[in-house]
Amino acid sequence: MRIVGLIVVLLASLVSAFADDQHTRLDALRAEANEAVYNLDYEGARSRCRKMIDVAPDHPAGPQCYASSLWVEQLNRDWAAKATLYNDNASDAQTRVDRKQADEFRRWTRQAKQLSEARLRKDPKDVEALYFLGAAEGVESAFAAGVERKFMAAFRSGKDAVERHRAVLKLEPEFRDAELTIGLMNYVVGSLPLPTKMLAATMGVRGSKKRGLEALERVAAEGKWARDVARVVLVDLYKREKRWEDSFKVARALAEKYPRNYLFKLQMADALTSQILTLRKAKKPVTTEEKDLNNIFTSLLRDKTLDASTRDLVNLRWNAARQQLKT
C-alpha cells in the first residue's frame, strides 16, 4: 500500500509540474506575441499564437491571441482605419473589410469561446476560463464596432464580456485585466446622448465616463496582459476629453516600448498639435512643444524601415498639422 501511495503522490507531482511548465511556456509565448503585434509584426505574433495552440490545444489563450492579432491587422489595413487611431476627424470613415480575414477572425473567437465554455462546464468558477470567454467576446465587440461598423452587435458582445469580467472580479477582486472591458463599456455608455443612455439603462446597462477612465487607468498601471491595450485606449479617450498632455505622455510611453510602431509616434504628434493650439489660446509659451512636434515628424521621415506608403502617410499628417497650426 505504501508503494501505491508513493506512486500516486509521484504521479500527482508530475502532473502538477507539467501544468506549471505548460503555463510558463504559454506566458512566455503570449508575451512574445504581444511584443510582436504592438510592433506591427502580425505574422510574427501569429506564429507565437500557433505555438501557444501547440503547447496547450485545450486552452483558450492561443485562439484568443490569434483573433486579437487579426483584429489589429484589419484595423490598421487601410488609410481610413489608420487615421481613426489618432485622428477623430476620420472616425466616420468606412473600413474596407477583408471578408476572408473576418471569417478567420470569427473562427478563432468561436474556438476561444468554445474552449472557455468547456472548462466552465467542468468548473463554473474557473477564473481563467471566465476571463478568456469575456476577452473573446470583448475582441468580438471591438471588431464589430471598429472594423465592421456594426454597433448593435458590438453592444451585445460588449455587454456579455462585461458580465463575464464582473464575475471574474467577484471571484478575484484584484484581477485588473478584467476591468478593461468594464471600464470601456462604462466610458462608452457614459458618453452617449441622454435618450440613448436611457435606452441602454432599460437593458440593464449604465455608464459613467469618470468611472470608466478610472478603471482603464488602473488596468494601465496595474494590469498584466491588458496593460498596453488599456494604454492604447486611453490615448484616444484622453484626446476626446481634451487632455492633450496625458494623451501625449501615454503615447510616448508606448512609442518608447514599441519603437517599430510608427502609429504611436503619430498619436504623439496629433496630441502635441492640439496641445499647442490650446496653449496658444491661453497665451502660454509653446516653444518646447513645437520643437518636439518637429522632431517627431523629422525622425519618422528619416526612418529607413518605413515603406513608401507609410512615408506618404507621415507627410500627409505633417502637412495637416502645419495647416492646423497656421489657423
C-alpha atoms as a PDB file:
ATOM      1  CA  MET A   1       0.000   0.000   0.000  1.00  0.00           C
ATOM      2  CA  ARG A   2       2.885   2.327   0.769  1.00  0.00           C
ATOM      3  CA  ILE A   3       4.273   1.774  -2.730  1.00  0.00           C
ATOM      4  CA  VAL A   4       0.862   2.549  -4.280  1.00  0.00           C
ATOM      5  CA  GLY A   5       0.639   5.706  -2.194  1.00  0.00           C
ATOM      6  CA  LEU A   6       4.091   6.810  -3.275  1.00  0.00           C
ATOM      7  CA  ILE A   7       3.199   6.188  -6.917  1.00  0.00           C
ATOM      8  CA  VAL A   8       0.031   8.298  -6.566  1.00  0.00           C
ATOM      9  CA  VAL A   9       1.998  11.138  -4.950  1.00  0.00           C
ATOM     10  CA  LEU A  10       4.668  10.913  -7.648  1.00  0.00           C
ATOM     11  CA  LEU A  11       2.102  10.990 -10.463  1.00  0.00           C
ATOM     12  CA  ALA A  12       0.340  13.977  -8.871  1.00  0.00           C
ATOM     13  CA  SER A  13       3.675  15.785  -8.638  1.00  0.00           C
ATOM     14  CA  LEU A  14       4.443  15.064 -12.290  1.00  0.00           C
ATOM     15  CA  VAL A  15       1.021  16.315 -13.411  1.00  0.00           C
ATOM     16  CA  SER A  16       1.462  19.496 -11.362  1.00  0.00           C
ATOM     17  CA  ALA A  17       4.971  20.058 -12.730  1.00  0.00           C
ATOM     18  CA  PHE A  18       3.708  19.554 -16.293  1.00  0.00           C
ATOM     19  CA  ALA A  19       0.861  22.048 -15.735  1.00  0.00           C
ATOM     20  CA  ASP A  20       3.275  24.616 -14.286  1.00  0.00           C
ATOM     21  CA  ASP A  21       5.678  24.167 -17.204  1.00  0.00           C
ATOM     22  CA  GLN A  22       2.841  24.471 -19.713  1.00  0.00           C
ATOM     23  CA  HIS A  23       1.626  27.677 -18.062  1.00  0.00           C
ATOM     24  CA  THR A  24       5.161  29.123 -18.060  1.00  0.00           C
ATOM     25  CA  ARG A  25       5.602  28.360 -21.773  1.00  0.00           C
ATOM     26  CA  LEU A  26       2.184  29.848 -22.556  1.00  0.00           C
ATOM     27  CA  ASP A  27       3.034  33.041 -20.679  1.00  0.00           C
ATOM     28  CA  ALA A  28       6.380  33.375 -22.478  1.00  0.00           C
ATOM     29  CA  LEU A  29       4.789  32.900 -25.912  1.00  0.00           C
ATOM     30  CA  ARG A  30       1.955  35.258 -25.056  1.00  0.00           C
ATOM     31  CA  ALA A  31       4.457  37.950 -24.068  1.00  0.00           C
ATOM     32  CA  GLU A  32       6.328  37.446 -27.349  1.00  0.00           C
ATOM     33  CA  ALA A  33       3.066  37.644 -29.318  1.00  0.00           C
ATOM     34  CA  ASN A  34       2.132  40.914 -27.604  1.00  0.00           C
ATOM     35  CA  GLU A  35       5.584  42.334 -28.301  1.00  0.00           C
ATOM     36  CA  ALA A  36       5.254  41.435 -31.992  1.00  0.00           C
ATOM     37  CA  VAL A  37       1.724  42.706 -32.518  1.00  0.00           C
ATOM     38  CA  TYR A  38       2.433  46.088 -30.897  1.00  0.00           C
ATOM     39  CA  ASN A  39       5.472  46.400 -33.152  1.00  0.00           C
ATOM     40  CA  LEU A  40       3.157  45.761 -36.163  1.00  0.00           C
ATOM     41  CA  ASP A  41       4.678  42.313 -36.816  1.00  0.00           C
ATOM     42  CA  TYR A  42       1.387  40.484 -37.253  1.00  0.00           C
ATOM     43  CA  GLU A  43       2.759  37.280 -38.770  1.00  0.00           C
ATOM     44  CA  GLY A  44       5.363  37.112 -36.020  1.00  0.00           C
ATOM     45  CA  ALA A  45       2.584  37.465 -33.471  1.00  0.00           C
ATOM     46  CA  ARG A  46       0.503  34.761 -35.106  1.00  0.00           C
ATOM     47  CA  SER A  47       3.419  32.340 -35.234  1.00  0.00           C
ATOM     48  CA  ARG A  48       3.621  32.663 -31.420  1.00  0.00           C
ATOM     49  CA  CYS A  49      -0.138  32.173 -31.155  1.00  0.00           C
ATOM     50  CA  ARG A  50       0.131  28.952 -33.187  1.00  0.00           C
ATOM     51  CA  LYS A  51       2.866  27.749 -30.847  1.00  0.00           C
ATOM     52  CA  MET A  52       0.557  28.507 -27.910  1.00  0.00           C
ATOM     53  CA  ILE A  53      -2.076  26.292 -29.504  1.00  0.00           C
ATOM     54  CA  ASP A  54       0.509  23.515 -29.987  1.00  0.00           C
ATOM     55  CA  VAL A  55       1.624  23.791 -26.355  1.00  0.00           C
ATOM     56  CA  ALA A  56      -1.917  23.854 -24.929  1.00  0.00           C
ATOM     57  CA  PRO A  57      -4.564  22.848 -27.532  1.00  0.00           C
ATOM     58  CA  ASP A  58      -7.329  22.835 -24.901  1.00  0.00           C
ATOM     59  CA  HIS A  59      -6.518  26.321 -23.585  1.00  0.00           C
ATOM     60  CA  PRO A  60      -8.366  29.398 -24.955  1.00  0.00           C
ATOM     61  CA  ALA A  61      -5.296  31.671 -24.781  1.00  0.00           C
ATOM     62  CA  GLY A  62      -3.912  30.658 -28.196  1.00  0.00           C
ATOM     63  CA  PRO A  63      -7.108  31.136 -30.235  1.00  0.00           C
ATOM     64  CA  GLN A  64      -7.907  34.394 -28.421  1.00  0.00           C
ATOM     65  CA  CYS A  65      -4.367  35.634 -29.130  1.00  0.00           C
ATOM     66  CA  TYR A  66      -4.745  34.728 -32.810  1.00  0.00           C
ATOM     67  CA  ALA A  67      -8.095  36.527 -33.095  1.00  0.00           C
ATOM     68  CA  SER A  68      -6.664  39.652 -31.463  1.00  0.00           C
ATOM     69  CA  SER A  69      -3.778  39.786 -33.950  1.00  0.00           C
ATOM     70  CA  LEU A  70      -6.237  39.560 -36.863  1.00  0.00           C
ATOM     71  CA  TRP A  71      -8.331  42.367 -35.394  1.00  0.00           C
ATOM     72  CA  VAL A  72      -5.352  44.702 -35.013  1.00  0.00           C
ATOM     73  CA  GLU A  73      -4.107  43.962 -38.526  1.00  0.00           C
ATOM     74  CA  GLN A  74      -7.545  44.557 -40.034  1.00  0.00           C
ATOM     75  CA  LEU A  75      -7.911  47.801 -38.096  1.00  0.00           C
ATOM     76  CA  ASN A  76      -4.592  49.091 -39.454  1.00  0.00           C
ATOM     77  CA  ARG A  77      -5.067  47.800 -43.003  1.00  0.00           C
ATOM     78  CA  ASP A  78      -6.157  50.915 -44.895  1.00  0.00           C
ATOM     79  CA  TRP A  79      -5.802  54.627 -44.540  1.00  0.00           C
ATOM     80  CA  ALA A  80      -9.198  55.288 -43.013  1.00  0.00           C
ATOM     81  CA  ALA A  81      -8.663  52.746 -40.239  1.00  0.00           C
ATOM     82  CA  LYS A  82      -5.160  54.035 -39.540  1.00  0.00           C
ATOM     83  CA  ALA A  83      -6.486  57.566 -39.295  1.00  0.00           C
ATOM     84  CA  THR A  84      -9.080  56.636 -36.684  1.00  0.00           C
ATOM     85  CA  LEU A  85      -6.309  55.593 -34.319  1.00  0.00           C
ATOM     86  CA  TYR A  86      -5.067  59.142 -33.939  1.00  0.00           C
ATOM     87  CA  ASN A  87      -7.446  61.462 -35.822  1.00  0.00           C
ATOM     88  CA  ASP A  88     -11.037  61.888 -34.666  1.00  0.00           C
ATOM     89  CA  ASN A  89     -11.946  63.600 -37.967  1.00  0.00           C
ATOM     90  CA  ALA A  90     -11.650  60.231 -39.710  1.00  0.00           C
ATOM     91  CA  SER A  91     -13.751  58.326 -37.187  1.00  0.00           C
ATOM     92  CA  ASP A  92     -16.704  58.031 -39.594  1.00  0.00           C
ATOM     93  CA  ALA A  93     -14.645  56.685 -42.482  1.00  0.00           C
ATOM     94  CA  GLN A  94     -15.689  53.293 -43.805  1.00  0.00           C
ATOM     95  CA  THR A  95     -13.233  50.456 -43.404  1.00  0.00           C
ATOM     96  CA  ARG A  96     -12.830  48.021 -46.278  1.00  0.00           C
ATOM     97  CA  VAL A  97     -13.361  44.698 -44.551  1.00  0.00           C
ATOM     98  CA  ASP A  98     -11.324  41.728 -45.719  1.00  0.00           C
ATOM     99  CA  ARG A  99     -14.071  39.103 -45.675  1.00  0.00           C
ATOM    100  CA  LYS A 100     -11.668  36.162 -45.689  1.00  0.00           C
ATOM    101  CA  GLN A 101      -9.837  37.577 -42.695  1.00  0.00           C
ATOM    102  CA  ALA A 102     -13.136  38.431 -40.982  1.00  0.00           C
ATOM    103  CA  ASP A 103     -14.255  34.803 -41.360  1.00  0.00           C
ATOM    104  CA  GLU A 104     -10.925  33.624 -39.951  1.00  0.00           C
ATOM    105  CA  PHE A 105     -11.314  36.049 -37.048  1.00  0.00           C
ATOM    106  CA  ARG A 106     -14.726  34.598 -36.216  1.00  0.00           C
ATOM    107  CA  ARG A 107     -13.371  31.057 -36.408  1.00  0.00           C
ATOM    108  CA  TRP A 108     -10.717  31.817 -33.795  1.00  0.00           C
ATOM    109  CA  THR A 109     -13.030  33.743 -31.462  1.00  0.00           C
ATOM    110  CA  ARG A 110     -15.549  30.903 -31.710  1.00  0.00           C
ATOM    111  CA  GLN A 111     -12.821  28.406 -30.799  1.00  0.00           C
ATOM    112  CA  ALA A 112     -11.659  30.560 -27.854  1.00  0.00           C
ATOM    113  CA  LYS A 113     -15.221  30.731 -26.545  1.00  0.00           C
ATOM    114  CA  GLN A 114     -15.826  27.006 -27.012  1.00  0.00           C
ATOM    115  CA  LEU A 115     -12.652  26.078 -25.129  1.00  0.00           C
ATOM    116  CA  SER A 116     -13.526  28.514 -22.328  1.00  0.00           C
ATOM    117  CA  GLU A 117     -17.083  27.161 -22.083  1.00  0.00           C
ATOM    118  CA  ALA A 118     -15.797  23.573 -21.967  1.00  0.00           C
ATOM    119  CA  ARG A 119     -13.655  24.449 -18.949  1.00  0.00           C
ATOM    120  CA  LEU A 120     -16.559  26.277 -17.299  1.00  0.00           C
ATOM    121  CA  ARG A 121     -18.780  23.214 -17.644  1.00  0.00           C
ATOM    122  CA  LYS A 122     -16.246  21.368 -15.511  1.00  0.00           C
ATOM    123  CA  ASP A 123     -15.788  24.237 -13.074  1.00  0.00           C
ATOM    124  CA  PRO A 124     -18.158  27.258 -13.233  1.00  0.00           C
ATOM    125  CA  LYS A 125     -15.725  29.180 -11.017  1.00  0.00           C
ATOM    126  CA  ASP A 126     -12.721  28.720 -13.299  1.00  0.00           C
ATOM    127  CA  VAL A 127     -11.466  32.326 -13.233  1.00  0.00           C
ATOM    128  CA  GLU A 128      -9.130  31.907 -16.190  1.00  0.00           C
ATOM    129  CA  ALA A 129     -11.868  30.420 -18.376  1.00  0.00           C
ATOM    130  CA  LEU A 130     -14.287  33.198 -17.398  1.00  0.00           C
ATOM    131  CA  TYR A 131     -11.670  35.792 -18.233  1.00  0.00           C
ATOM    132  CA  PHE A 132     -10.884  34.347 -21.678  1.00  0.00           C
ATOM    133  CA  LEU A 133     -14.571  33.939 -22.507  1.00  0.00           C
ATOM    134  CA  GLY A 134     -15.071  37.630 -21.751  1.00  0.00           C
ATOM    135  CA  ALA A 135     -11.876  38.554 -23.607  1.00  0.00           C
ATOM    136  CA  ALA A 136     -13.068  36.733 -26.739  1.00  0.00           C
ATOM    137  CA  GLU A 137     -16.430  38.497 -26.534  1.00  0.00           C
ATOM    138  CA  GLY A 138     -14.636  41.787 -25.935  1.00  0.00           C
ATOM    139  CA  VAL A 139     -12.496  41.492 -29.070  1.00  0.00           C
ATOM    140  CA  GLU A 140     -15.652  40.472 -30.989  1.00  0.00           C
ATOM    141  CA  SER A 141     -17.230  43.720 -29.834  1.00  0.00           C
ATOM    142  CA  ALA A 142     -14.165  45.738 -30.867  1.00  0.00           C
ATOM    143  CA  PHE A 143     -14.103  44.075 -34.302  1.00  0.00           C
ATOM    144  CA  ALA A 144     -17.819  44.666 -34.889  1.00  0.00           C
ATOM    145  CA  ALA A 145     -17.574  48.346 -33.924  1.00  0.00           C
ATOM    146  CA  GLY A 146     -14.138  49.341 -35.197  1.00  0.00           C
ATOM    147  CA  VAL A 147     -13.927  47.259 -38.372  1.00  0.00           C
ATOM    148  CA  GLU A 148     -17.431  46.285 -39.484  1.00  0.00           C
ATOM    149  CA  ARG A 149     -19.240  49.320 -38.015  1.00  0.00           C
ATOM    150  CA  LYS A 150     -21.950  47.019 -36.618  1.00  0.00           C
ATOM    151  CA  PHE A 151     -22.709  48.853 -33.415  1.00  0.00           C
ATOM    152  CA  MET A 152     -25.641  46.827 -32.091  1.00  0.00           C
ATOM    153  CA  ALA A 153     -23.668  43.603 -32.492  1.00  0.00           C
ATOM    154  CA  ALA A 154     -20.760  45.332 -30.776  1.00  0.00           C
ATOM    155  CA  PHE A 155     -23.014  46.412 -27.916  1.00  0.00           C
ATOM    156  CA  ARG A 156     -24.355  42.883 -27.376  1.00  0.00           C
ATOM    157  CA  SER A 157     -20.900  41.283 -27.366  1.00  0.00           C
ATOM    158  CA  GLY A 158     -19.549  44.043 -25.145  1.00  0.00           C
ATOM    159  CA  LYS A 159     -22.397  43.557 -22.653  1.00  0.00           C
ATOM    160  CA  ASP A 160     -21.659  39.809 -22.489  1.00  0.00           C
ATOM    161  CA  ALA A 161     -17.941  40.494 -21.973  1.00  0.00           C
ATOM    162  CA  VAL A 162     -18.693  42.871 -19.104  1.00  0.00           C
ATOM    163  CA  GLU A 163     -20.879  40.267 -17.385  1.00  0.00           C
ATOM    164  CA  ARG A 164     -18.102  37.644 -17.613  1.00  0.00           C
ATOM    165  CA  HIS A 165     -15.482  40.002 -16.268  1.00  0.00           C
ATOM    166  CA  ARG A 166     -17.671  41.186 -13.415  1.00  0.00           C
ATOM    167  CA  ALA A 167     -17.963  37.517 -12.468  1.00  0.00           C
ATOM    168  CA  VAL A 168     -14.156  37.276 -12.586  1.00  0.00           C
ATOM    169  CA  LEU A 169     -13.822  40.238 -10.224  1.00  0.00           C
ATOM    170  CA  LYS A 170     -16.267  38.707  -7.770  1.00  0.00           C
ATOM    171  CA  LEU A 171     -14.008  35.677  -7.576  1.00  0.00           C
ATOM    172  CA  GLU A 172     -10.712  37.612  -7.743  1.00  0.00           C
ATOM    173  CA  PRO A 173     -11.164  41.324  -6.944  1.00  0.00           C
ATOM    174  CA  GLU A 174      -7.537  42.145  -7.851  1.00  0.00           C
ATOM    175  CA  PHE A 175      -7.744  40.653 -11.367  1.00  0.00           C
ATOM    176  CA  ARG A 176      -7.020  44.015 -13.013  1.00  0.00           C
ATOM    177  CA  ASP A 177      -7.140  42.820 -16.630  1.00  0.00           C
ATOM    178  CA  ALA A 178     -10.857  42.068 -16.203  1.00  0.00           C
ATOM    179  CA  GLU A 179     -11.529  45.772 -15.599  1.00  0.00           C
ATOM    180  CA  LEU A 180     -10.641  46.656 -19.200  1.00  0.00           C
ATOM    181  CA  THR A 181     -13.981  45.752 -20.795  1.00  0.00           C
ATOM    182  CA  ILE A 182     -15.906  47.087 -17.801  1.00  0.00           C
ATOM    183  CA  GLY A 183     -14.081  50.420 -17.904  1.00  0.00           C
ATOM    184  CA  LEU A 184     -14.521  50.806 -21.647  1.00  0.00           C
ATOM    185  CA  MET A 185     -18.244  49.984 -21.505  1.00  0.00           C
ATOM    186  CA  ASN A 186     -18.655  52.460 -18.640  1.00  0.00           C
ATOM    187  CA  TYR A 187     -16.991  55.192 -20.683  1.00  0.00           C
ATOM    188  CA  VAL A 188     -18.887  54.447 -23.910  1.00  0.00           C
ATOM    189  CA  VAL A 189     -22.312  54.331 -22.252  1.00  0.00           C
ATOM    190  CA  GLY A 190     -21.457  57.389 -20.142  1.00  0.00           C
ATOM    191  CA  SER A 191     -20.661  59.280 -23.353  1.00  0.00           C
ATOM    192  CA  LEU A 192     -23.996  58.508 -25.062  1.00  0.00           C
ATOM    193  CA  PRO A 193     -26.654  61.191 -25.607  1.00  0.00           C
ATOM    194  CA  LEU A 194     -29.270  61.150 -22.834  1.00  0.00           C
ATOM    195  CA  PRO A 195     -32.055  59.396 -24.846  1.00  0.00           C
ATOM    196  CA  THR A 196     -29.681  56.623 -25.944  1.00  0.00           C
ATOM    197  CA  LYS A 197     -28.269  56.350 -22.432  1.00  0.00           C
ATOM    198  CA  MET A 198     -31.823  55.906 -21.069  1.00  0.00           C
ATOM    199  CA  LEU A 199     -32.475  53.197 -23.664  1.00  0.00           C
ATOM    200  CA  ALA A 200     -29.294  51.399 -22.603  1.00  0.00           C
ATOM    201  CA  ALA A 201     -30.443  51.634 -18.968  1.00  0.00           C
ATOM    202  CA  THR A 202     -33.641  49.722 -19.838  1.00  0.00           C
ATOM    203  CA  MET A 203     -31.336  46.913 -20.991  1.00  0.00           C
ATOM    204  CA  GLY A 204     -29.559  46.943 -17.643  1.00  0.00           C
ATOM    205  CA  VAL A 205     -26.501  48.858 -18.874  1.00  0.00           C
ATOM    206  CA  ARG A 206     -25.399  52.036 -17.140  1.00  0.00           C
ATOM    207  CA  GLY A 207     -22.253  54.028 -17.536  1.00  0.00           C
ATOM    208  CA  SER A 208     -20.038  56.790 -16.243  1.00  0.00           C
ATOM    209  CA  LYS A 209     -17.159  58.394 -18.132  1.00  0.00           C
ATOM    210  CA  LYS A 210     -15.388  59.130 -14.839  1.00  0.00           C
ATOM    211  CA  ARG A 211     -15.626  55.559 -13.564  1.00  0.00           C
ATOM    212  CA  GLY A 212     -14.673  54.239 -16.979  1.00  0.00           C
ATOM    213  CA  LEU A 213     -11.484  56.297 -17.161  1.00  0.00           C
ATOM    214  CA  GLU A 214     -10.563  55.377 -13.585  1.00  0.00           C
ATOM    215  CA  ALA A 215     -10.915  51.657 -14.372  1.00  0.00           C
ATOM    216  CA  LEU A 216      -8.850  51.935 -17.550  1.00  0.00           C
ATOM    217  CA  GLU A 217      -6.165  53.861 -15.677  1.00  0.00           C
ATOM    218  CA  ARG A 218      -5.979  51.070 -13.081  1.00  0.00           C
ATOM    219  CA  VAL A 219      -5.508  48.499 -15.827  1.00  0.00           C
ATOM    220  CA  ALA A 220      -2.836  50.663 -17.495  1.00  0.00           C
ATOM    221  CA  ALA A 221      -0.963  50.940 -14.191  1.00  0.00           C
ATOM    222  CA  GLU A 222      -1.534  47.522 -12.617  1.00  0.00           C
ATOM    223  CA  GLY A 223      -2.734  45.135 -15.336  1.00  0.00           C
ATOM    224  CA  LYS A 224      -0.727  42.222 -16.654  1.00  0.00           C
ATOM    225  CA  TRP A 225      -1.706  41.280 -20.207  1.00  0.00           C
ATOM    226  CA  ALA A 226      -4.205  44.107 -20.770  1.00  0.00           C
ATOM    227  CA  ARG A 227      -1.932  46.920 -19.598  1.00  0.00           C
ATOM    228  CA  ASP A 228      -0.883  48.089 -23.060  1.00  0.00           C
ATOM    229  CA  VAL A 229      -4.371  47.639 -24.525  1.00  0.00           C
ATOM    230  CA  ALA A 230      -5.630  49.993 -21.825  1.00  0.00           C
ATOM    231  CA  ARG A 231      -2.905  52.494 -22.701  1.00  0.00           C
ATOM    232  CA  VAL A 232      -3.811  52.396 -26.384  1.00  0.00           C
ATOM    233  CA  VAL A 233      -7.458  53.060 -25.483  1.00  0.00           C
ATOM    234  CA  LEU A 234      -6.520  55.876 -23.092  1.00  0.00           C
ATOM    235  CA  VAL A 235      -4.518  57.696 -25.784  1.00  0.00           C
ATOM    236  CA  ASP A 236      -7.725  58.169 -27.750  1.00  0.00           C
ATOM    237  CA  LEU A 237     -10.039  58.762 -24.786  1.00  0.00           C
ATOM    238  CA  TYR A 238      -7.759  61.405 -23.301  1.00  0.00           C
ATOM    239  CA  LYS A 239      -7.926  63.232 -26.625  1.00  0.00           C
ATOM    240  CA  ARG A 240     -11.711  63.060 -26.553  1.00  0.00           C
ATOM    241  CA  GLU A 241     -11.554  64.618 -23.099  1.00  0.00           C
ATOM    242  CA  LYS A 242      -9.107  67.264 -24.422  1.00  0.00           C
ATOM    243  CA  ARG A 243      -6.453  66.001 -22.033  1.00  0.00           C
ATOM    244  CA  TRP A 244      -3.746  66.501 -24.633  1.00  0.00           C
ATOM    245  CA  GLU A 245      -0.770  66.260 -22.303  1.00  0.00           C
ATOM    246  CA  ASP A 246      -1.991  62.982 -20.795  1.00  0.00           C
ATOM    247  CA  SER A 247      -2.607  61.570 -24.277  1.00  0.00           C
ATOM    248  CA  PHE A 248       0.901  62.585 -25.360  1.00  0.00           C
ATOM    249  CA  LYS A 249       2.537  61.015 -22.293  1.00  0.00           C
ATOM    250  CA  VAL A 250       0.792  57.669 -22.737  1.00  0.00           C
ATOM    251  CA  ALA A 251       1.525  57.591 -26.487  1.00  0.00           C
ATOM    252  CA  ARG A 252       5.172  58.430 -25.791  1.00  0.00           C
ATOM    253  CA  ALA A 253       5.454  55.560 -23.294  1.00  0.00           C
ATOM    254  CA  LEU A 254       4.037  53.181 -25.903  1.00  0.00           C
ATOM    255  CA  ALA A 255       6.342  54.531 -28.629  1.00  0.00           C
ATOM    256  CA  GLU A 256       9.376  54.038 -26.395  1.00  0.00           C
ATOM    257  CA  LYS A 257       8.329  50.488 -25.537  1.00  0.00           C
ATOM    258  CA  TYR A 258       7.464  49.575 -29.147  1.00  0.00           C
ATOM    259  CA  PRO A 259       9.851  51.609 -31.324  1.00  0.00           C
ATOM    260  CA  ARG A 260       8.829  49.910 -34.582  1.00  0.00           C
ATOM    261  CA  ASN A 261       5.223  51.106 -34.255  1.00  0.00           C
ATOM    262  CA  TYR A 262       5.131  54.446 -36.094  1.00  0.00           C
ATOM    263  CA  LEU A 263       1.419  54.876 -35.229  1.00  0.00           C
ATOM    264  CA  PHE A 264       2.266  55.646 -31.605  1.00  0.00           C
ATOM    265  CA  LYS A 265       4.567  58.434 -32.800  1.00  0.00           C
ATOM    266  CA  LEU A 266       1.816  59.825 -34.993  1.00  0.00           C
ATOM    267  CA  GLN A 267      -0.501  59.742 -31.983  1.00  0.00           C
ATOM    268  CA  MET A 268       2.102  61.730 -30.053  1.00  0.00           C
ATOM    269  CA  ALA A 269       2.211  64.284 -32.873  1.00  0.00           C
ATOM    270  CA  ASP A 270      -1.568  64.543 -33.015  1.00  0.00           C
ATOM    271  CA  ALA A 271      -1.833  65.174 -29.270  1.00  0.00           C
ATOM    272  CA  LEU A 272       1.001  67.726 -29.414  1.00  0.00           C
ATOM    273  CA  THR A 273      -0.659  69.642 -32.237  1.00  0.00           C
ATOM    274  CA  SER A 274      -3.859  70.017 -30.225  1.00  0.00           C
ATOM    275  CA  GLN A 275      -1.889  70.881 -27.094  1.00  0.00           C
ATOM    276  CA  ILE A 276      -0.026  73.668 -28.960  1.00  0.00           C
ATOM    277  CA  LEU A 277      -3.321  75.153 -30.166  1.00  0.00           C
ATOM    278  CA  THR A 278      -4.713  75.058 -26.613  1.00  0.00           C
ATOM    279  CA  LEU A 279      -1.582  76.690 -25.160  1.00  0.00           C
ATOM    280  CA  ARG A 280      -1.660  79.416 -27.808  1.00  0.00           C
ATOM    281  CA  LYS A 281      -5.250  80.291 -26.939  1.00  0.00           C
ATOM    282  CA  ALA A 282      -4.197  80.591 -23.307  1.00  0.00           C
ATOM    283  CA  LYS A 283      -1.273  82.865 -24.354  1.00  0.00           C
ATOM    284  CA  LYS A 284       1.258  80.369 -22.987  1.00  0.00           C
ATOM    285  CA  PRO A 285       4.687  79.505 -24.483  1.00  0.00           C
ATOM    286  CA  VAL A 286       4.818  76.632 -26.967  1.00  0.00           C
ATOM    287  CA  THR A 287       8.484  76.558 -27.989  1.00  0.00           C
ATOM    288  CA  THR A 288       9.204  73.165 -26.409  1.00  0.00           C
ATOM    289  CA  GLU A 289       6.068  71.554 -27.832  1.00  0.00           C
ATOM    290  CA  GLU A 290       6.738  72.909 -31.337  1.00  0.00           C
ATOM    291  CA  LYS A 291      10.287  71.561 -31.196  1.00  0.00           C
ATOM    292  CA  ASP A 292       9.046  68.150 -30.040  1.00  0.00           C
ATOM    293  CA  LEU A 293       6.471  68.069 -32.842  1.00  0.00           C
ATOM    294  CA  ASN A 294       9.077  68.881 -35.472  1.00  0.00           C
ATOM    295  CA  ASN A 295      11.431  66.224 -34.057  1.00  0.00           C
ATOM    296  CA  ILE A 296       8.742  63.524 -34.220  1.00  0.00           C
ATOM    297  CA  PHE A 297       7.996  64.064 -37.898  1.00  0.00           C
ATOM    298  CA  THR A 298      11.650  64.555 -38.826  1.00  0.00           C
ATOM    299  CA  SER A 299      12.686  61.307 -37.125  1.00  0.00           C
ATOM    300  CA  LEU A 300       9.851  59.394 -38.817  1.00  0.00           C
ATOM    301  CA  LEU A 301      10.847  60.638 -42.262  1.00  0.00           C
ATOM    302  CA  ARG A 302      14.464  59.640 -41.582  1.00  0.00           C
ATOM    303  CA  ASP A 303      13.410  56.139 -40.541  1.00  0.00           C
ATOM    304  CA  LYS A 304      14.702  53.841 -43.312  1.00  0.00           C
ATOM    305  CA  THR A 305      12.484  50.965 -42.156  1.00  0.00           C
ATOM    306  CA  LEU A 306       9.279  52.736 -43.246  1.00  0.00           C
ATOM    307  CA  ASP A 307       7.936  51.915 -46.691  1.00  0.00           C
ATOM    308  CA  ALA A 308       6.854  54.489 -49.271  1.00  0.00           C
ATOM    309  CA  SER A 309       3.144  54.431 -48.372  1.00  0.00           C
ATOM    310  CA  THR A 310       3.917  54.947 -44.694  1.00  0.00           C
ATOM    311  CA  ARG A 311       6.223  57.858 -45.517  1.00  0.00           C
ATOM    312  CA  ASP A 312       3.397  59.359 -47.575  1.00  0.00           C
ATOM    313  CA  LEU A 313       1.120  58.989 -44.560  1.00  0.00           C
ATOM    314  CA  VAL A 314       3.675  60.730 -42.336  1.00  0.00           C
ATOM    315  CA  ASN A 315       3.994  63.599 -44.823  1.00  0.00           C
ATOM    316  CA  LEU A 316       0.213  63.874 -45.015  1.00  0.00           C
ATOM    317  CA  ARG A 317      -0.084  64.113 -41.227  1.00  0.00           C
ATOM    318  CA  TRP A 318       2.756  66.640 -41.008  1.00  0.00           C
ATOM    319  CA  ASN A 319       1.107  68.852 -43.635  1.00  0.00           C
ATOM    320  CA  ALA A 320      -2.199  68.545 -41.771  1.00  0.00           C
ATOM    321  CA  ALA A 321      -0.501  69.576 -38.510  1.00  0.00           C
ATOM    322  CA  ARG A 322       1.092  72.596 -40.213  1.00  0.00           C
ATOM    323  CA  GLN A 323      -2.281  73.658 -41.582  1.00  0.00           C
ATOM    324  CA  GLN A 324      -3.899  73.366 -38.157  1.00  0.00           C
ATOM    325  CA  LEU A 325      -1.166  75.466 -36.573  1.00  0.00           C
ATOM    326  CA  LYS A 326      -1.437  78.196 -39.200  1.00  0.00           C
ATOM    327  CA  THR A 327      -5.026  78.977 -38.266  1.00  0.00           C
END
